[in-house]
């Protein structure tokens, strides 16, 4: 019975820790996110400057 409670306690701590890491943004911005934003901005600039036919 005690091992079940310990297992549930450890599992809940892992879940809460993962949630905190995900929501507090401890990892910062990834290189992929920055690259995607740069590419989207470049594409939007190209579309704005494209002549309409």
PDB file of N, CA and C in Angstrom:
ATOM      1  N   UNK A   1       0.816  -1.195   0.000  1.00  0.00           N
ATOM      2  CA  UNK A   1       0.000   0.000   0.000  1.00  0.00           C
ATOM      3  C   UNK A   1       0.861   1.262   0.000  1.00  0.00           C
ATOM      4  N   UNK A   2       1.937   1.248   0.779  1.00  0.00           N
ATOM      5  CA  UNK A   2       2.810   2.421   0.842  1.00  0.00           C
ATOM      6  C   UNK A   2       3.521   2.661  -0.476  1.00  0.00           C
ATOM      7  N   UNK A   3       3.918   1.578  -1.155  1.00  0.00           N
ATOM      8  CA  UNK A   3       4.620   1.764  -2.423  1.00  0.00           C
ATOM      9  C   UNK A   3       3.695   2.375  -3.478  1.00  0.00           C
ATOM     10  N   UNK A   4       2.400   2.082  -3.403  1.00  0.00           N
ATOM     11  CA  UNK A   4       1.446   2.706  -4.325  1.00  0.00           C
ATOM     12  C   UNK A   4       1.370   4.208  -4.095  1.00  0.00           C
ATOM     13  N   UNK A   5       1.355   4.601  -2.832  1.00  0.00           N
ATOM     14  CA  UNK A   5       1.305   6.031  -2.515  1.00  0.00           C
ATOM     15  C   UNK A   5       2.577   6.740  -2.940  1.00  0.00           C
ATOM     16  N   UNK A   6       3.726   6.119  -2.743  1.00  0.00           N
ATOM     17  CA  UNK A   6       4.992   6.712  -3.171  1.00  0.00           C
ATOM     18  C   UNK A   6       5.035   6.853  -4.691  1.00  0.00           C
ATOM     19  N   UNK A   7       4.560   5.842  -5.386  1.00  0.00           N
ATOM     20  CA  UNK A   7       4.537   5.888  -6.850  1.00  0.00           C
ATOM     21  C   UNK A   7       3.639   7.013  -7.341  1.00  0.00           C
ATOM     22  N   UNK A   8       2.459   7.152  -6.764  1.00  0.00           N
ATOM     23  CA  UNK A   8       1.564   8.241  -7.139  1.00  0.00           C
ATOM     24  C   UNK A   8       2.158   9.603  -6.796  1.00  0.00           C
ATOM     25  N   UNK A   9       2.845   9.694  -5.668  1.00  0.00           N
ATOM     26  CA  UNK A   9       3.483  10.948  -5.277  1.00  0.00           C
ATOM     27  C   UNK A   9       4.582  11.357  -6.239  1.00  0.00           C
ATOM     28  N   UNK A  10       5.418  10.404  -6.626  1.00  0.00           N
ATOM     29  CA  UNK A  10       6.496  10.689  -7.571  1.00  0.00           C
ATOM     30  C   UNK A  10       5.923  11.044  -8.936  1.00  0.00           C
ATOM     31  N   UNK A  11       4.914  10.333  -9.376  1.00  0.00           N
ATOM     32  CA  UNK A  11       4.285  10.635 -10.658  1.00  0.00           C
ATOM     33  C   UNK A  11       3.683  12.031 -10.652  1.00  0.00           C
ATOM     34  N   UNK A  12       3.026  12.402  -9.564  1.00  0.00           N
ATOM     35  CA  UNK A  12       2.443  13.745  -9.500  1.00  0.00           C
ATOM     36  C   UNK A  12       3.523  14.821  -9.494  1.00  0.00           C
ATOM     37  N   UNK A  13       4.647  14.583  -8.838  1.00  0.00           N
ATOM     38  CA  UNK A  13       5.739  15.557  -8.845  1.00  0.00           C
ATOM     39  C   UNK A  13       6.329  15.711 -10.244  1.00  0.00           C
ATOM     40  N   UNK A  14       6.463  14.608 -10.978  1.00  0.00           N
ATOM     41  CA  UNK A  14       6.967  14.668 -12.346  1.00  0.00           C
ATOM     42  C   UNK A  14       6.009  15.459 -13.232  1.00  0.00           C
ATOM     43  N   UNK A  15       4.719  15.207 -13.089  1.00  0.00           N
ATOM     44  CA  UNK A  15       3.732  15.917 -13.892  1.00  0.00           C
ATOM     45  C   UNK A  15       3.715  17.410 -13.587  1.00  0.00           C
ATOM     46  N   UNK A  16       3.762  17.762 -12.310  1.00  0.00           N
ATOM     47  CA  UNK A  16       3.781  19.174 -11.928  1.00  0.00           C
ATOM     48  C   UNK A  16       5.067  19.834 -12.406  1.00  0.00           C
ATOM     49  N   UNK A  17       6.184  19.150 -12.294  1.00  0.00           N
ATOM     50  CA  UNK A  17       7.454  19.693 -12.782  1.00  0.00           C
ATOM     51  C   UNK A  17       7.428  19.935 -14.279  1.00  0.00           C
ATOM     52  N   UNK A  18       6.892  18.997 -15.040  1.00  0.00           N
ATOM     53  CA  UNK A  18       6.767  19.179 -16.479  1.00  0.00           C
ATOM     54  C   UNK A  18       5.854  20.325 -16.836  1.00  0.00           C
ATOM     55  N   UNK A  19       4.763  20.460 -16.100  1.00  0.00           N
ATOM     56  CA  UNK A  19       3.840  21.564 -16.338  1.00  0.00           C
ATOM     57  C   UNK A  19       4.507  22.910 -16.060  1.00  0.00           C
ATOM     58  N   UNK A  20       5.267  22.986 -14.966  1.00  0.00           N
ATOM     59  CA  UNK A  20       5.959  24.229 -14.633  1.00  0.00           C
ATOM     60  C   UNK A  20       6.992  24.601 -15.687  1.00  0.00           C
ATOM     61  N   UNK A  21       7.761  23.629 -16.117  1.00  0.00           N
ATOM     62  CA  UNK A  21       8.772  23.898 -17.150  1.00  0.00           C
ATOM     63  C   UNK A  21       8.106  24.385 -18.427  1.00  0.00           C
ATOM     64  N   UNK A  22       6.999  23.765 -18.789  1.00  0.00           N
ATOM     65  CA  UNK A  22       6.299  24.126 -20.017  1.00  0.00           C
ATOM     66  C   UNK A  22       5.701  25.520 -19.927  1.00  0.00           C
ATOM     67  N   UNK A  23       5.106  25.875 -18.803  1.00  0.00           N
ATOM     68  CA  UNK A  23       4.385  27.142 -18.691  1.00  0.00           C
ATOM     69  C   UNK A  23       5.242  28.312 -18.235  1.00  0.00           C
ATOM     70  N   UNK A  24       6.331  28.059 -17.581  1.00  0.00           N
ATOM     71  CA  UNK A  24       7.171  29.164 -17.130  1.00  0.00           C
ATOM     72  C   UNK A  24       8.228  29.530 -18.162  1.00  0.00           C
ATOM     73  N   UNK A  25       8.399  28.708 -19.166  1.00  0.00           N
ATOM     74  CA  UNK A  25       9.334  29.021 -20.243  1.00  0.00           C
ATOM     75  C   UNK A  25      10.787  29.014 -19.807  1.00  0.00           C
ATOM     76  N   UNK A  26      11.189  28.081 -18.994  1.00  0.00           N
ATOM     77  CA  UNK A  26      12.567  28.024 -18.531  1.00  0.00           C
ATOM     78  C   UNK A  26      13.542  27.739 -19.655  1.00  0.00           C
ATOM     79  N   UNK A  27      13.077  27.140 -20.724  1.00  0.00           N
ATOM     80  CA  UNK A  27      13.985  26.753 -21.796  1.00  0.00           C
ATOM     81  C   UNK A  27      14.247  27.901 -22.761  1.00  0.00           C
ATOM     82  N   UNK A  28      13.483  28.977 -22.658  1.00  0.00           N
ATOM     83  CA  UNK A  28      13.687  30.106 -23.553  1.00  0.00           C
ATOM     84  C   UNK A  28      13.189  29.798 -24.953  1.00  0.00           C
ATOM     85  N   UNK A  29      13.513  30.684 -25.865  1.00  0.00           N
ATOM     86  CA  UNK A  29      13.072  30.508 -27.238  1.00  0.00           C
ATOM     87  C   UNK A  29      14.045  29.587 -27.966  1.00  0.00           C
ATOM     88  N   UNK A  30      13.491  28.704 -28.734  1.00  0.00           N
ATOM     89  CA  UNK A  30      14.337  27.776 -29.460  1.00  0.00           C
ATOM     90  C   UNK A  30      14.812  28.406 -30.763  1.00  0.00           C
ATOM     91  N   UNK A  31      15.869  27.866 -31.294  1.00  0.00           N
ATOM     92  CA  UNK A  31      16.409  28.339 -32.571  1.00  0.00           C
ATOM     93  C   UNK A  31      15.384  28.138 -33.681  1.00  0.00           C
ATOM     94  N   UNK A  32      14.645  27.048 -33.625  1.00  0.00           N
ATOM     95  CA  UNK A  32      13.639  26.761 -34.644  1.00  0.00           C
ATOM     96  C   UNK A  32      12.536  27.818 -34.634  1.00  0.00           C
ATOM     97  N   UNK A  33      12.102  28.239 -33.457  1.00  0.00           N
ATOM     98  CA  UNK A  33      11.069  29.266 -33.356  1.00  0.00           C
ATOM     99  C   UNK A  33      11.545  30.576 -33.960  1.00  0.00           C
ATOM    100  N   UNK A  34      12.766  30.963 -33.645  1.00  0.00           N
ATOM    101  CA  UNK A  34      13.307  32.204 -34.192  1.00  0.00           C
ATOM    102  C   UNK A  34      13.449  32.124 -35.712  1.00  0.00           C
ATOM    103  N   UNK A  35      13.892  30.993 -36.209  1.00  0.00           N
ATOM    104  CA  UNK A  35      14.050  30.818 -37.653  1.00  0.00           C
ATOM    105  C   UNK A  35      12.690  30.857 -38.357  1.00  0.00           C
ATOM    106  N   UNK A  36      11.683  30.245 -37.765  1.00  0.00           N
ATOM    107  CA  UNK A  36      10.348  30.262 -38.366  1.00  0.00           C
ATOM    108  C   UNK A  36       9.786  31.682 -38.397  1.00  0.00           C
ATOM    109  N   UNK A  37       9.968  32.438 -37.320  1.00  0.00           N
ATOM    110  CA  UNK A  37       9.486  33.818 -37.301  1.00  0.00           C
ATOM    111  C   UNK A  37      10.194  34.665 -38.354  1.00  0.00           C
ATOM    112  N   UNK A  38      11.479  34.473 -38.501  1.00  0.00           N
ATOM    113  CA  UNK A  38      12.238  35.220 -39.498  1.00  0.00           C
ATOM    114  C   UNK A  38      11.754  34.888 -40.899  1.00  0.00           C
ATOM    115  N   UNK A  39      11.520  33.609 -41.161  1.00  0.00           N
ATOM    116  CA  UNK A  39      11.056  33.189 -42.483  1.00  0.00           C
ATOM    117  C   UNK A  39       9.643  33.698 -42.770  1.00  0.00           C
ATOM    118  N   UNK A  40       8.763  33.676 -41.776  1.00  0.00           N
ATOM    119  CA  UNK A  40       7.413  34.205 -41.961  1.00  0.00           C
ATOM    120  C   UNK A  40       7.430  35.705 -42.253  1.00  0.00           C
ATOM    121  N   UNK A  41       8.284  36.441 -41.539  1.00  0.00           N
ATOM    122  CA  UNK A  41       8.398  37.878 -41.780  1.00  0.00           C
ATOM    123  C   UNK A  41       8.933  38.152 -43.185  1.00  0.00           C
ATOM    124  N   UNK A  42       9.900  37.377 -43.598  1.00  0.00           N
ATOM    125  CA  UNK A  42      10.470  37.520 -44.944  1.00  0.00           C
ATOM    126  C   UNK A  42       9.413  37.219 -46.008  1.00  0.00           C
ATOM    127  N   UNK A  43       8.624  36.185 -45.790  1.00  0.00           N
ATOM    128  CA  UNK A  43       7.566  35.829 -46.740  1.00  0.00           C
ATOM    129  C   UNK A  43       6.498  36.919 -46.791  1.00  0.00           C
ATOM    130  N   UNK A  44       6.126  37.449 -45.632  1.00  0.00           N
ATOM    131  CA  UNK A  44       5.119  38.511 -45.599  1.00  0.00           C
ATOM    132  C   UNK A  44       5.623  39.757 -46.318  1.00  0.00           C
ATOM    133  N   UNK A  45       6.879  40.106 -46.148  1.00  0.00           N
ATOM    134  CA  UNK A  45       7.460  41.252 -46.834  1.00  0.00           C
ATOM    135  C   UNK A  45       7.445  41.041 -48.343  1.00  0.00           C
ATOM    136  N   UNK A  46       7.761  39.822 -48.776  1.00  0.00           N
ATOM    137  CA  UNK A  46       7.758  39.509 -50.205  1.00  0.00           C
ATOM    138  C   UNK A  46       6.339  39.622 -50.785  1.00  0.00           C
ATOM    139  N   UNK A  47       5.347  39.119 -50.056  1.00  0.00           N
ATOM    140  CA  UNK A  47       3.963  39.184 -50.533  1.00  0.00           C
ATOM    141  C   UNK A  47       3.484  40.629 -50.616  1.00  0.00           C
ATOM    142  N   UNK A  48       3.816  41.455 -49.625  1.00  0.00           N
ATOM    143  CA  UNK A  48       3.420  42.869 -49.633  1.00  0.00           C
ATOM    144  C   UNK A  48       4.031  43.619 -50.825  1.00  0.00           C
ATOM    145  N   UNK A  49       5.251  43.271 -51.177  1.00  0.00           N
ATOM    146  CA  UNK A  49       5.939  43.956 -52.250  1.00  0.00           C
ATOM    147  C   UNK A  49       5.659  43.391 -53.628  1.00  0.00           C
ATOM    148  N   UNK A  50       4.938  42.285 -53.705  1.00  0.00           N
ATOM    149  CA  UNK A  50       4.666  41.642 -54.996  1.00  0.00           C
ATOM    150  C   UNK A  50       3.596  42.428 -55.749  1.00  0.00           C
ATOM    151  N   UNK A  51       3.801  42.651 -57.049  1.00  0.00           N
ATOM    152  CA  UNK A  51       2.766  43.349 -57.822  1.00  0.00           C
ATOM    153  C   UNK A  51       1.537  42.470 -58.013  1.00  0.00           C
ATOM    154  N   UNK A  52       0.353  43.088 -57.962  1.00  0.00           N
ATOM    155  CA  UNK A  52      -0.880  42.343 -58.137  1.00  0.00           C
ATOM    156  C   UNK A  52      -1.215  42.304 -59.631  1.00  0.00           C
ATOM    157  N   UNK A  53      -1.594  41.170 -60.142  1.00  0.00           N
ATOM    158  CA  UNK A  53      -1.951  41.026 -61.559  1.00  0.00           C
ATOM    159  C   UNK A  53      -3.439  40.946 -61.721  1.00  0.00           C
TER     160      UNK A  53
END
